[in-house]
Amino acid sequence: MKSKTIIEFISILLVVHFSFTAIEQLVNHNVLRLLLEKAPVMGPVAEQASWIFPFLQFTVVFLLLFRRTRLAGLFCSFIITGMVTIYIIATINTGETQTSKYIGLWKGLSLKNHIILNIIGILLSGLAIILSGGLRQPVLSHEPEVRSQDSGYPYIER
């Protein structure tokens, strides 16, 4: 299977996931806000966060849909999913159980399965980033490039 096909397949999976989750969060906005109010750290900013989360997810979807912005969308997906996973693990370690009452695509999952699914999403996003060459370091030359102008005399471009 070609890298391009794998990248597009992963992008489609991420688009479906983020679209469905964002729509579900908007449809059940009041439930999301109430859950965030009870969540550690999020309580004071629950109202704002309940609008920001779906907006961020739709932004990721938009970035993933277009070839020119796909790499940025993959990085956003990687970061957002990683942050959510870290937050879930942190709330488990504090003994807070409100995070188990999700809305969205994965609301029936246990916290353990939710974390596993998130890790799979992180790995898929990372794979697509690597396959797209998003982690390649630019080749830097220490020698200036010598070109000739229209006049025929060489000049140095820095």
N, C-alpha and C. Protein backbone atom coordinates (compact mmCIF):
# COMPACT_ATOMS: atom_id res chain seq x y z
N MET A 1 0.86 -1.18 0.00
CA MET A 1 0.00 0.00 0.00
C MET A 1 0.90 1.24 0.00
N LYS A 2 0.55 2.20 -0.81
CA LYS A 2 1.36 3.41 -0.91
C LYS A 2 1.17 4.30 0.32
N SER A 3 2.21 5.07 0.62
CA SER A 3 2.15 5.99 1.76
C SER A 3 0.98 6.96 1.63
N LYS A 4 0.78 7.46 0.42
CA LYS A 4 -0.30 8.43 0.18
C LYS A 4 -1.66 7.83 0.53
N THR A 5 -1.87 6.57 0.16
CA THR A 5 -3.13 5.89 0.45
C THR A 5 -3.33 5.72 1.95
N ILE A 6 -2.26 5.34 2.63
CA ILE A 6 -2.33 5.16 4.10
C ILE A 6 -2.64 6.49 4.77
N ILE A 7 -1.97 7.55 4.35
CA ILE A 7 -2.19 8.88 4.91
C ILE A 7 -3.63 9.31 4.70
N GLU A 8 -4.16 9.10 3.49
CA GLU A 8 -5.54 9.49 3.20
C GLU A 8 -6.53 8.66 4.01
N PHE A 9 -6.26 7.37 4.17
CA PHE A 9 -7.14 6.51 4.96
C PHE A 9 -7.17 6.96 6.42
N ILE A 10 -6.00 7.21 6.99
CA ILE A 10 -5.93 7.68 8.37
C ILE A 10 -6.64 9.03 8.50
N SER A 11 -6.45 9.90 7.53
CA SER A 11 -7.11 11.21 7.56
C SER A 11 -8.63 11.07 7.53
N ILE A 12 -9.12 10.15 6.72
CA ILE A 12 -10.57 9.92 6.65
C ILE A 12 -11.10 9.42 8.00
N LEU A 13 -10.37 8.48 8.61
CA LEU A 13 -10.78 8.00 9.94
C LEU A 13 -10.84 9.15 10.95
N LEU A 14 -9.82 10.00 10.93
CA LEU A 14 -9.78 11.13 11.85
C LEU A 14 -10.88 12.14 11.57
N VAL A 15 -11.18 12.37 10.30
CA VAL A 15 -12.26 13.30 9.93
C VAL A 15 -13.59 12.79 10.46
N VAL A 16 -13.85 11.50 10.27
CA VAL A 16 -15.10 10.91 10.77
C VAL A 16 -15.17 11.04 12.29
N HIS A 17 -14.08 10.68 12.96
CA HIS A 17 -14.05 10.74 14.42
C HIS A 17 -14.28 12.16 14.94
N PHE A 18 -13.49 13.12 14.45
CA PHE A 18 -13.61 14.50 14.94
C PHE A 18 -14.95 15.13 14.54
N SER A 19 -15.45 14.83 13.35
CA SER A 19 -16.75 15.38 12.92
C SER A 19 -17.88 14.88 13.81
N PHE A 20 -17.92 13.57 13.99
CA PHE A 20 -18.98 12.99 14.81
C PHE A 20 -18.92 13.52 16.23
N THR A 21 -17.72 13.57 16.79
CA THR A 21 -17.57 14.04 18.17
C THR A 21 -18.00 15.49 18.30
N ALA A 22 -17.59 16.33 17.36
CA ALA A 22 -17.95 17.75 17.42
C ALA A 22 -19.46 17.95 17.29
N ILE A 23 -20.07 17.23 16.36
CA ILE A 23 -21.53 17.34 16.18
C ILE A 23 -22.25 16.87 17.43
N GLU A 24 -21.81 15.74 17.99
CA GLU A 24 -22.42 15.21 19.21
C GLU A 24 -22.29 16.19 20.37
N GLN A 25 -21.13 16.84 20.47
CA GLN A 25 -20.93 17.81 21.55
C GLN A 25 -21.82 19.04 21.37
N LEU A 26 -22.06 19.44 20.14
CA LEU A 26 -22.96 20.58 19.91
C LEU A 26 -24.41 20.20 20.16
N VAL A 27 -24.80 19.01 19.74
CA VAL A 27 -26.18 18.55 19.96
C VAL A 27 -26.46 18.41 21.45
N ASN A 28 -25.48 17.91 22.19
CA ASN A 28 -25.63 17.70 23.63
C ASN A 28 -24.80 18.74 24.40
N HIS A 29 -24.88 19.97 23.96
CA HIS A 29 -24.05 21.03 24.54
C HIS A 29 -24.26 21.18 26.05
N ASN A 30 -25.50 21.14 26.50
CA ASN A 30 -25.77 21.31 27.94
C ASN A 30 -25.17 20.17 28.76
N VAL A 31 -25.24 18.95 28.24
CA VAL A 31 -24.65 17.80 28.94
C VAL A 31 -23.14 17.97 29.03
N LEU A 32 -22.52 18.37 27.92
CA LEU A 32 -21.08 18.59 27.91
C LEU A 32 -20.68 19.66 28.92
N ARG A 33 -21.43 20.76 28.93
CA ARG A 33 -21.12 21.85 29.86
C ARG A 33 -21.23 21.38 31.31
N LEU A 34 -22.28 20.63 31.63
CA LEU A 34 -22.45 20.11 32.99
C LEU A 34 -21.32 19.15 33.38
N LEU A 35 -20.92 18.29 32.46
CA LEU A 35 -19.81 17.37 32.74
C LEU A 35 -18.51 18.14 32.97
N LEU A 36 -18.30 19.18 32.16
CA LEU A 36 -17.07 19.97 32.31
C LEU A 36 -17.08 20.76 33.62
N GLU A 37 -18.26 21.21 34.05
CA GLU A 37 -18.36 21.94 35.32
C GLU A 37 -17.92 21.06 36.49
N LYS A 38 -18.20 19.76 36.40
CA LYS A 38 -17.86 18.83 37.47
C LYS A 38 -16.44 18.28 37.35
N ALA A 39 -15.81 18.51 36.22
CA ALA A 39 -14.48 17.94 35.97
C ALA A 39 -13.39 18.77 36.64
N PRO A 40 -12.34 18.10 37.10
CA PRO A 40 -11.22 18.84 37.70
C PRO A 40 -10.60 19.78 36.67
N VAL A 41 -10.20 20.91 37.10
CA VAL A 41 -9.52 21.95 36.31
C VAL A 41 -10.47 22.66 35.34
N MET A 42 -11.40 21.95 34.73
CA MET A 42 -12.26 22.53 33.70
C MET A 42 -13.45 23.30 34.27
N GLY A 43 -13.82 23.05 35.50
CA GLY A 43 -15.00 23.65 36.10
C GLY A 43 -15.15 25.14 35.88
N PRO A 44 -14.15 25.95 36.21
CA PRO A 44 -14.29 27.40 36.08
C PRO A 44 -14.45 27.90 34.63
N VAL A 45 -14.00 27.11 33.67
CA VAL A 45 -14.08 27.54 32.28
C VAL A 45 -14.98 26.63 31.44
N ALA A 46 -15.89 25.95 32.12
CA ALA A 46 -16.74 24.96 31.45
C ALA A 46 -17.56 25.56 30.31
N GLU A 47 -18.14 26.72 30.52
CA GLU A 47 -18.97 27.33 29.47
C GLU A 47 -18.15 27.60 28.21
N GLN A 48 -17.00 28.22 28.38
CA GLN A 48 -16.15 28.54 27.24
C GLN A 48 -15.62 27.25 26.58
N ALA A 49 -15.17 26.32 27.40
CA ALA A 49 -14.61 25.08 26.88
C ALA A 49 -15.65 24.27 26.11
N SER A 50 -16.90 24.33 26.55
CA SER A 50 -17.94 23.55 25.87
C SER A 50 -18.20 24.06 24.46
N TRP A 51 -17.82 25.28 24.15
CA TRP A 51 -17.91 25.82 22.79
C TRP A 51 -16.58 25.68 22.04
N ILE A 52 -15.48 25.80 22.76
CA ILE A 52 -14.16 25.74 22.14
C ILE A 52 -13.85 24.33 21.63
N PHE A 53 -14.21 23.30 22.39
CA PHE A 53 -13.89 21.93 21.99
C PHE A 53 -14.47 21.57 20.62
N PRO A 54 -15.78 21.77 20.38
CA PRO A 54 -16.30 21.44 19.04
C PRO A 54 -15.67 22.32 17.94
N PHE A 55 -15.41 23.59 18.26
CA PHE A 55 -14.77 24.47 17.28
C PHE A 55 -13.39 23.93 16.90
N LEU A 56 -12.61 23.52 17.88
CA LEU A 56 -11.28 22.96 17.60
C LEU A 56 -11.38 21.68 16.77
N GLN A 57 -12.36 20.86 17.08
CA GLN A 57 -12.53 19.62 16.33
C GLN A 57 -12.91 19.89 14.88
N PHE A 58 -13.79 20.86 14.65
CA PHE A 58 -14.14 21.21 13.27
C PHE A 58 -12.95 21.84 12.55
N THR A 59 -12.11 22.55 13.28
CA THR A 59 -10.90 23.12 12.67
C THR A 59 -9.97 22.00 12.22
N VAL A 60 -9.81 20.98 13.05
CA VAL A 60 -8.99 19.83 12.68
C VAL A 60 -9.57 19.14 11.45
N VAL A 61 -10.88 18.97 11.42
CA VAL A 61 -11.54 18.36 10.26
C VAL A 61 -11.23 19.17 9.00
N PHE A 62 -11.38 20.47 9.08
CA PHE A 62 -11.11 21.34 7.93
C PHE A 62 -9.66 21.17 7.47
N LEU A 63 -8.73 21.15 8.40
CA LEU A 63 -7.31 21.00 8.05
C LEU A 63 -7.04 19.64 7.40
N LEU A 64 -7.69 18.60 7.88
CA LEU A 64 -7.46 17.26 7.34
C LEU A 64 -8.07 17.05 5.95
N LEU A 65 -9.07 17.84 5.61
CA LEU A 65 -9.75 17.64 4.33
C LEU A 65 -8.93 18.07 3.12
N PHE A 66 -8.01 18.98 3.30
CA PHE A 66 -7.28 19.53 2.17
C PHE A 66 -5.81 19.11 2.21
N ARG A 67 -5.31 18.70 1.05
CA ARG A 67 -3.95 18.19 0.97
C ARG A 67 -2.92 19.20 1.48
N ARG A 68 -3.11 20.47 1.19
CA ARG A 68 -2.15 21.50 1.60
C ARG A 68 -2.09 21.69 3.11
N THR A 69 -3.18 21.43 3.79
CA THR A 69 -3.23 21.65 5.24
C THR A 69 -3.29 20.35 6.03
N ARG A 70 -3.21 19.23 5.33
CA ARG A 70 -3.38 17.93 5.99
C ARG A 70 -2.32 17.67 7.07
N LEU A 71 -1.07 18.03 6.80
CA LEU A 71 -0.03 17.80 7.78
C LEU A 71 -0.31 18.59 9.07
N ALA A 72 -0.77 19.83 8.93
CA ALA A 72 -1.13 20.62 10.12
C ALA A 72 -2.28 19.94 10.86
N GLY A 73 -3.25 19.39 10.13
CA GLY A 73 -4.36 18.68 10.75
C GLY A 73 -3.91 17.43 11.48
N LEU A 74 -2.95 16.72 10.90
CA LEU A 74 -2.42 15.53 11.56
C LEU A 74 -1.69 15.89 12.85
N PHE A 75 -0.90 16.97 12.81
CA PHE A 75 -0.23 17.43 14.03
C PHE A 75 -1.25 17.85 15.09
N CYS A 76 -2.29 18.58 14.67
CA CYS A 76 -3.34 18.99 15.62
C CYS A 76 -4.04 17.77 16.22
N SER A 77 -4.36 16.80 15.39
CA SER A 77 -4.99 15.58 15.86
C SER A 77 -4.10 14.87 16.88
N PHE A 78 -2.83 14.76 16.57
CA PHE A 78 -1.86 14.13 17.45
C PHE A 78 -1.81 14.85 18.80
N ILE A 79 -1.73 16.16 18.77
CA ILE A 79 -1.61 16.95 20.00
C ILE A 79 -2.90 16.93 20.82
N ILE A 80 -4.04 17.16 20.16
CA ILE A 80 -5.32 17.20 20.88
C ILE A 80 -5.63 15.85 21.51
N THR A 81 -5.47 14.78 20.74
CA THR A 81 -5.75 13.45 21.28
C THR A 81 -4.79 13.11 22.41
N GLY A 82 -3.55 13.51 22.27
CA GLY A 82 -2.58 13.30 23.35
C GLY A 82 -2.96 14.05 24.61
N MET A 83 -3.38 15.31 24.46
CA MET A 83 -3.77 16.11 25.62
C MET A 83 -5.00 15.52 26.31
N VAL A 84 -5.97 15.08 25.54
CA VAL A 84 -7.17 14.47 26.12
C VAL A 84 -6.79 13.20 26.88
N THR A 85 -5.91 12.40 26.31
CA THR A 85 -5.47 11.17 26.97
C THR A 85 -4.77 11.47 28.28
N ILE A 86 -3.88 12.45 28.26
CA ILE A 86 -3.17 12.85 29.49
C ILE A 86 -4.17 13.34 30.53
N TYR A 87 -5.15 14.11 30.11
CA TYR A 87 -6.17 14.62 31.04
C TYR A 87 -6.96 13.47 31.66
N ILE A 88 -7.35 12.50 30.84
CA ILE A 88 -8.11 11.35 31.35
C ILE A 88 -7.28 10.59 32.38
N ILE A 89 -6.03 10.34 32.05
CA ILE A 89 -5.15 9.61 32.98
C ILE A 89 -4.97 10.40 34.27
N ALA A 90 -4.81 11.71 34.15
CA ALA A 90 -4.64 12.55 35.35
C ALA A 90 -5.89 12.52 36.22
N THR A 91 -7.07 12.54 35.61
CA THR A 91 -8.30 12.51 36.41
C THR A 91 -8.52 11.15 37.05
N ILE A 92 -8.08 10.09 36.39
CA ILE A 92 -8.16 8.76 37.00
C ILE A 92 -7.28 8.73 38.24
N ASN A 93 -6.10 9.29 38.12
CA ASN A 93 -5.15 9.28 39.24
C ASN A 93 -5.61 10.14 40.41
N THR A 94 -6.51 11.11 40.17
CA THR A 94 -7.03 11.92 41.27
C THR A 94 -8.28 11.28 41.88
N GLY A 95 -8.77 10.20 41.27
CA GLY A 95 -9.95 9.53 41.80
C GLY A 95 -11.26 10.13 41.31
N GLU A 96 -11.19 11.07 40.39
CA GLU A 96 -12.40 11.71 39.86
C GLU A 96 -13.05 10.77 38.85
N THR A 97 -14.33 10.49 39.02
CA THR A 97 -15.00 9.54 38.13
C THR A 97 -15.92 10.21 37.11
N GLN A 98 -16.07 11.51 37.16
CA GLN A 98 -16.96 12.19 36.22
C GLN A 98 -16.52 12.03 34.77
N THR A 99 -15.22 11.84 34.54
CA THR A 99 -14.74 11.74 33.17
C THR A 99 -15.22 10.47 32.48
N SER A 100 -15.79 9.53 33.22
CA SER A 100 -16.27 8.31 32.58
C SER A 100 -17.63 8.52 31.92
N LYS A 101 -18.25 9.66 32.14
CA LYS A 101 -19.56 9.93 31.56
C LYS A 101 -19.40 10.76 30.30
N TYR A 102 -18.87 10.14 29.25
CA TYR A 102 -18.61 10.85 28.00
C TYR A 102 -19.88 10.97 27.20
N ILE A 103 -19.85 11.97 26.34
CA ILE A 103 -20.85 12.02 25.28
C ILE A 103 -20.07 11.83 24.00
N GLY A 104 -20.71 11.40 22.98
CA GLY A 104 -20.01 11.25 21.72
C GLY A 104 -19.92 9.80 21.29
N LEU A 105 -19.04 9.60 20.36
CA LEU A 105 -18.89 8.33 19.68
C LEU A 105 -18.52 7.19 20.62
N TRP A 106 -17.76 7.48 21.65
CA TRP A 106 -17.21 6.44 22.51
C TRP A 106 -17.83 6.43 23.90
N LYS A 107 -19.05 6.90 24.05
CA LYS A 107 -19.65 7.03 25.38
C LYS A 107 -19.87 5.70 26.10
N GLY A 108 -19.90 4.60 25.39
CA GLY A 108 -20.12 3.31 26.03
C GLY A 108 -18.84 2.65 26.50
N LEU A 109 -17.71 3.24 26.21
CA LEU A 109 -16.43 2.62 26.56
C LEU A 109 -16.04 2.87 28.01
N SER A 110 -15.31 1.92 28.56
CA SER A 110 -14.72 2.13 29.88
C SER A 110 -13.56 3.11 29.72
N LEU A 111 -13.09 3.65 30.83
CA LEU A 111 -11.95 4.56 30.77
C LEU A 111 -10.72 3.88 30.18
N LYS A 112 -10.49 2.64 30.57
CA LYS A 112 -9.33 1.90 30.06
C LYS A 112 -9.41 1.76 28.54
N ASN A 113 -10.57 1.38 28.03
CA ASN A 113 -10.75 1.24 26.59
C ASN A 113 -10.68 2.59 25.88
N HIS A 114 -11.16 3.63 26.52
CA HIS A 114 -11.09 4.96 25.95
C HIS A 114 -9.64 5.39 25.80
N ILE A 115 -8.84 5.11 26.81
CA ILE A 115 -7.41 5.45 26.75
C ILE A 115 -6.72 4.64 25.65
N ILE A 116 -7.04 3.36 25.55
CA ILE A 116 -6.45 2.51 24.50
C ILE A 116 -6.82 3.05 23.12
N LEU A 117 -8.09 3.40 22.94
CA LEU A 117 -8.53 3.95 21.66
C LEU A 117 -7.82 5.27 21.34
N ASN A 118 -7.65 6.11 22.35
CA ASN A 118 -6.93 7.37 22.14
C ASN A 118 -5.48 7.11 21.75
N ILE A 119 -4.85 6.14 22.39
CA ILE A 119 -3.46 5.82 22.05
C ILE A 119 -3.37 5.33 20.60
N ILE A 120 -4.34 4.55 20.17
CA ILE A 120 -4.38 4.11 18.77
C ILE A 120 -4.49 5.33 17.85
N GLY A 121 -5.36 6.29 18.22
CA GLY A 121 -5.49 7.51 17.43
C GLY A 121 -4.20 8.31 17.38
N ILE A 122 -3.50 8.37 18.51
CA ILE A 122 -2.21 9.07 18.56
C ILE A 122 -1.20 8.38 17.65
N LEU A 123 -1.15 7.04 17.72
CA LEU A 123 -0.21 6.28 16.90
C LEU A 123 -0.53 6.43 15.41
N LEU A 124 -1.81 6.40 15.06
CA LEU A 124 -2.19 6.57 13.65
C LEU A 124 -1.83 7.96 13.15
N SER A 125 -2.11 8.98 13.96
CA SER A 125 -1.74 10.34 13.57
C SER A 125 -0.23 10.45 13.40
N GLY A 126 0.51 9.86 14.35
CA GLY A 126 1.97 9.88 14.27
C GLY A 126 2.48 9.17 13.03
N LEU A 127 1.90 8.01 12.72
CA LEU A 127 2.28 7.28 11.52
C LEU A 127 2.06 8.12 10.26
N ALA A 128 0.90 8.75 10.18
CA ALA A 128 0.60 9.58 9.01
C ALA A 128 1.57 10.77 8.92
N ILE A 129 1.93 11.34 10.05
CA ILE A 129 2.90 12.45 10.06
C ILE A 129 4.24 11.96 9.53
N ILE A 130 4.68 10.81 10.00
CA ILE A 130 5.97 10.26 9.57
C ILE A 130 5.94 9.92 8.08
N LEU A 131 4.85 9.27 7.63
CA LEU A 131 4.75 8.90 6.22
C LEU A 131 4.68 10.12 5.29
N SER A 132 4.12 11.20 5.79
CA SER A 132 4.01 12.40 4.95
C SER A 132 5.31 13.20 4.96
N GLY A 133 6.28 12.75 5.75
CA GLY A 133 7.56 13.45 5.79
C GLY A 133 7.55 14.67 6.67
N GLY A 134 6.59 14.75 7.56
CA GLY A 134 6.45 15.91 8.42
C GLY A 134 7.54 16.06 9.46
N LEU A 135 8.34 15.03 9.65
CA LEU A 135 9.40 15.11 10.64
C LEU A 135 10.78 15.20 10.00
N ARG A 136 10.83 15.35 8.68
CA ARG A 136 12.12 15.49 8.00
C ARG A 136 12.74 16.82 8.36
N GLN A 137 14.03 16.78 8.57
CA GLN A 137 14.74 18.02 8.86
C GLN A 137 15.16 18.64 7.54
N PRO A 138 15.06 19.96 7.44
CA PRO A 138 15.47 20.60 6.19
C PRO A 138 16.97 20.46 6.00
N VAL A 139 17.36 20.33 4.76
CA VAL A 139 18.78 20.24 4.44
C VAL A 139 19.33 21.66 4.44
N LEU A 140 20.30 21.90 5.31
CA LEU A 140 20.91 23.21 5.40
C LEU A 140 22.32 23.14 4.85
N SER A 141 22.59 24.00 3.92
CA SER A 141 23.93 24.06 3.35
C SER A 141 24.66 25.25 3.97
N HIS A 142 25.89 25.04 4.35
CA HIS A 142 26.67 26.12 4.92
C HIS A 142 27.33 26.97 3.85
N GLU A 143 27.31 26.46 2.64
CA GLU A 143 27.90 27.23 1.56
C GLU A 143 26.80 27.97 0.82
N PRO A 144 27.01 29.25 0.53
CA PRO A 144 25.99 30.00 -0.20
C PRO A 144 25.87 29.48 -1.63
N GLU A 145 24.68 29.60 -2.16
CA GLU A 145 24.41 29.15 -3.52
C GLU A 145 24.87 30.23 -4.49
N VAL A 146 25.62 29.82 -5.51
CA VAL A 146 26.11 30.77 -6.52
C VAL A 146 25.22 30.65 -7.74
N ARG A 147 24.66 31.78 -8.15
CA ARG A 147 23.80 31.84 -9.33
C ARG A 147 24.30 32.94 -10.26
N SER A 148 23.88 32.86 -11.46
CA SER A 148 24.22 33.95 -12.36
C SER A 148 22.97 34.76 -12.65
N GLN A 149 23.15 36.08 -12.71
CA GLN A 149 22.03 36.95 -13.02
C GLN A 149 21.88 37.01 -14.53
N ASP A 150 20.89 37.77 -14.96
CA ASP A 150 20.65 37.91 -16.39
C ASP A 150 21.86 38.51 -17.10
N SER A 151 22.65 39.31 -16.39
CA SER A 151 23.80 39.95 -17.01
C SER A 151 24.94 38.99 -17.26
N GLY A 152 24.87 37.79 -16.73
CA GLY A 152 25.90 36.81 -16.94
C GLY A 152 26.94 36.77 -15.82
N TYR A 153 26.91 37.73 -14.90
CA TYR A 153 27.86 37.75 -13.79
C TYR A 153 27.27 36.94 -12.63
N PRO A 154 28.11 36.12 -12.01
CA PRO A 154 27.59 35.34 -10.88
C PRO A 154 27.36 36.23 -9.65
N TYR A 155 26.40 35.86 -8.86
CA TYR A 155 26.16 36.52 -7.57
C TYR A 155 25.87 35.47 -6.53
N ILE A 156 26.08 35.86 -5.28
CA ILE A 156 25.89 34.91 -4.17
C ILE A 156 24.59 35.23 -3.48
N GLU A 157 23.73 34.22 -3.34
CA GLU A 157 22.44 34.39 -2.66
C GLU A 157 22.60 33.90 -1.23
N ARG A 158 22.24 34.72 -0.32
CA ARG A 158 22.36 34.34 1.10
C ARG A 158 21.00 34.19 1.72
